[in-house]
Amino acid sequence: RIIDTLRITAASVPIVLAVSPASRNVVIQQGNAAPGDNATVTLTGTGAASTAWNATKKQSWTTLVTASGTGSGSVSWTRNASGLVAGTYVDTITVAAPGAASGSPDLIVDTLRITALPIPVVLAVSPASLSVTVQQGGAAPSGNATVTLTGTNASSAAWIAVESSSWTTLTTGSGTGSGTVNWT
């Protein structure tokens, strides 16, 4: 008698690599430190837990902290904004798993946007002084001066004028943004 045994096994599932999220975006002000970041590396399929992956980057301002692993894990990096001027910087981090049937390599687009430092608000009054001569008993003319504000958010900056003598009365003594101070 012959016993014939046929064993059918499940087909192996191809290894698939996926990285999430596909992009990271950070905005900082010039001169400030940029935060680090990370993305999840997911390997699925037969043998995924023992499949190695590695990450590479292109830009010098990016440093990979976790650049390789086995099975699912996380790729992490830091950003060095020192010396970078205001602008948009983009790096592509490539994650690859040799032998993965699908999804390898996968990319993470890392965008670092550096905004310019705000310009301090500067107040200027013109003219800086006025001199009026009147004859005793005569009426003195009213006066005014231009208030100019410049810098970041100057148009929404408030100003106030204060008189220091009792013979002067402010008719327009405050404002927002550039304007005119008036007195009698």
Protein backbone atom coordinates (compact mmCIF):
# COMPACT_ATOMS: atom_id res chain seq x y z
CA ARG A 1 0.00 0.00 0.00
CA ILE A 2 1.19 3.55 -0.83
CA ILE A 3 0.17 6.59 1.10
CA ASP A 4 0.39 9.71 -0.96
CA THR A 5 0.25 12.93 1.01
CA LEU A 6 -0.20 16.28 -0.61
CA ARG A 7 0.39 19.26 1.62
CA ILE A 8 -0.77 22.63 0.35
CA THR A 9 0.68 25.64 2.08
CA ALA A 10 -0.40 29.20 1.79
CA ALA A 11 1.45 31.23 -0.76
CA SER A 12 3.95 33.59 0.79
CA VAL A 13 2.74 37.16 0.98
CA PRO A 14 5.14 39.60 -0.71
CA ILE A 15 6.87 42.05 1.57
CA VAL A 16 5.50 45.58 1.29
CA LEU A 17 7.18 48.72 2.61
CA ALA A 18 5.16 51.82 3.52
CA VAL A 19 6.29 55.04 5.19
CA SER A 20 3.86 57.40 6.86
CA PRO A 21 3.46 60.33 6.65
CA ALA A 22 4.84 61.02 3.19
CA SER A 23 5.73 64.60 4.10
CA ARG A 24 6.64 66.74 7.09
CA ASN A 25 6.52 70.54 7.26
CA VAL A 26 8.01 72.86 9.88
CA VAL A 27 8.01 76.66 10.06
CA ILE A 28 10.45 78.48 12.35
CA GLN A 29 11.67 82.03 12.72
CA GLN A 30 15.24 82.74 11.62
CA GLY A 31 17.69 82.15 14.47
CA ASN A 32 15.46 79.65 16.29
CA ALA A 33 16.10 75.93 16.65
CA ALA A 34 14.16 73.57 14.39
CA PRO A 35 12.44 70.57 15.98
CA GLY A 36 13.31 67.00 15.08
CA ASP A 37 10.80 64.71 13.42
CA ASN A 38 10.03 61.09 12.54
CA ALA A 39 7.97 58.85 10.31
CA THR A 40 6.66 55.32 10.74
CA VAL A 41 8.16 52.53 8.65
CA THR A 42 5.75 49.62 8.19
CA LEU A 43 6.75 46.27 6.69
CA THR A 44 4.09 43.65 6.01
CA GLY A 45 4.12 40.24 4.37
CA THR A 46 5.89 36.96 4.88
CA GLY A 47 9.22 37.54 6.63
CA ALA A 48 8.52 41.24 7.24
CA ALA A 49 9.65 41.07 10.87
CA SER A 50 13.16 40.03 9.80
CA THR A 51 13.46 42.34 6.80
CA ALA A 52 15.99 45.14 7.16
CA TRP A 53 15.43 48.70 5.96
CA ASN A 54 17.63 51.79 5.79
CA ALA A 55 17.15 55.51 5.25
CA THR A 56 19.24 58.11 3.44
CA LYS A 57 18.94 61.88 3.18
CA LYS A 58 20.28 64.48 0.76
CA GLN A 59 20.70 67.80 2.58
CA SER A 60 23.43 68.80 5.04
CA TRP A 61 20.93 70.50 7.39
CA THR A 62 19.26 67.12 8.03
CA THR A 63 20.81 64.49 10.33
CA LEU A 64 19.33 61.00 10.51
CA VAL A 65 19.07 59.83 14.12
CA THR A 66 17.46 56.46 13.37
CA ALA A 67 18.52 55.50 9.87
CA SER A 68 17.94 51.75 9.84
CA GLY A 69 15.96 48.95 11.43
CA THR A 70 14.55 45.48 11.06
CA GLY A 71 10.83 44.97 10.67
CA SER A 72 8.44 47.84 11.30
CA GLY A 73 9.88 50.82 13.14
CA SER A 74 10.53 54.51 12.92
CA VAL A 75 12.96 56.68 10.97
CA SER A 76 13.84 59.88 12.86
CA TRP A 77 15.90 62.97 12.08
CA THR A 78 16.93 66.38 13.32
CA ARG A 79 17.11 69.67 11.46
CA ASN A 80 19.94 72.17 11.94
CA ALA A 81 18.78 75.66 10.94
CA SER A 82 21.97 77.39 12.13
CA GLY A 83 23.28 79.70 9.46
CA LEU A 84 20.26 79.26 7.20
CA VAL A 85 18.65 82.45 5.92
CA ALA A 86 14.93 83.03 5.51
CA GLY A 87 13.54 80.74 2.81
CA THR A 88 12.18 77.26 2.10
CA TYR A 89 14.45 74.22 2.34
CA VAL A 90 13.43 70.76 1.14
CA ASP A 91 15.08 67.41 1.80
CA THR A 92 14.01 63.99 0.55
CA ILE A 93 14.51 61.09 2.94
CA THR A 94 14.53 57.76 1.10
CA VAL A 95 13.61 54.56 2.97
CA ALA A 96 14.45 51.29 1.25
CA ALA A 97 14.12 47.62 2.14
CA PRO A 98 16.26 45.48 -0.18
CA GLY A 99 14.19 42.56 -1.39
CA ALA A 100 10.85 44.17 -0.61
CA ALA A 101 8.55 43.41 -3.49
CA SER A 102 6.47 46.53 -3.31
CA GLY A 103 6.76 50.12 -2.07
CA SER A 104 10.55 50.18 -1.84
CA PRO A 105 12.01 52.71 -1.90
CA ASP A 106 9.51 55.08 -0.29
CA LEU A 107 10.06 58.80 0.19
CA ILE A 108 9.48 61.40 2.90
CA VAL A 109 9.57 65.01 1.73
CA ASP A 110 10.78 67.16 4.63
CA THR A 111 10.17 70.91 4.25
CA LEU A 112 11.76 73.48 6.55
CA ARG A 113 10.49 77.03 6.11
CA ILE A 114 12.42 79.79 7.84
CA THR A 115 10.69 83.14 8.23
CA ALA A 116 12.55 86.42 8.59
CA LEU A 117 12.95 88.10 11.95
CA PRO A 118 10.36 90.79 12.59
CA ILE A 119 11.58 94.35 12.15
CA PRO A 120 11.12 96.34 15.39
CA VAL A 121 8.52 99.09 15.28
CA VAL A 122 10.17 102.51 15.16
CA LEU A 123 8.34 105.75 15.94
CA ALA A 124 9.41 109.08 14.42
CA VAL A 125 7.77 112.50 14.90
CA SER A 126 8.31 115.31 12.42
CA PRO A 127 9.00 118.10 12.94
CA ALA A 128 10.78 117.48 16.23
CA SER A 129 10.05 121.02 17.42
CA LEU A 130 7.83 123.98 16.54
CA SER A 131 8.30 127.60 17.55
CA VAL A 132 5.49 130.13 17.39
CA THR A 133 5.60 133.85 18.30
CA VAL A 134 2.38 135.68 19.14
CA GLN A 135 1.72 139.14 20.49
CA GLN A 136 0.33 139.29 24.01
CA GLY A 137 -3.44 138.99 23.85
CA GLY A 138 -3.30 137.43 20.38
CA ALA A 139 -4.48 133.92 19.48
CA ALA A 140 -1.77 131.29 19.01
CA PRO A 141 -2.16 129.08 15.94
CA SER A 142 -2.78 125.38 16.39
CA GLY A 143 0.00 122.98 15.60
CA ASN A 144 0.52 119.47 14.36
CA ALA A 145 3.24 116.94 13.71
CA THR A 146 3.40 113.77 11.65
CA VAL A 147 3.75 110.50 13.52
CA THR A 148 5.41 107.81 11.40
CA LEU A 149 5.59 104.16 12.48
CA THR A 150 7.74 101.68 10.53
CA GLY A 151 8.58 98.01 11.03
CA THR A 152 6.69 94.75 11.31
CA ASN A 153 3.05 95.33 12.32
CA ALA A 154 3.58 99.14 12.35
CA SER A 155 0.12 99.71 10.85
CA SER A 156 -1.52 98.14 13.91
CA ALA A 157 0.77 99.65 16.56
CA ALA A 158 -0.89 102.23 18.83
CA TRP A 159 0.68 105.51 19.90
CA ILE A 160 -0.32 108.20 22.39
CA ALA A 161 0.82 111.80 22.90
CA VAL A 162 0.85 113.63 26.22
CA GLU A 163 1.12 117.38 26.69
CA SER A 164 3.42 118.68 29.40
CA SER A 165 2.20 122.29 29.68
CA SER A 166 -1.23 123.53 30.74
CA TRP A 167 -1.39 126.04 27.86
CA THR A 168 -1.34 123.19 25.30
CA THR A 169 -4.43 121.07 24.58
CA LEU A 170 -4.23 117.95 22.42
CA THR A 171 -7.03 117.68 19.87
CA THR A 172 -5.69 114.42 18.39
CA GLY A 173 -3.54 112.72 20.97
CA SER A 174 -3.53 109.09 19.92
CA GLY A 175 -3.77 106.82 16.92
CA THR A 176 -2.94 103.49 15.34
CA GLY A 177 -0.25 103.28 12.71
CA SER A 178 1.15 106.44 11.15
CA GLY A 179 -0.92 109.58 11.66
CA THR A 180 -0.93 113.14 12.93
CA VAL A 181 -0.89 114.58 16.43
CA ASN A 182 -2.77 117.91 16.67
CA TRP A 183 -2.91 120.54 19.41
CA THR A 184 -4.10 124.03 20.19
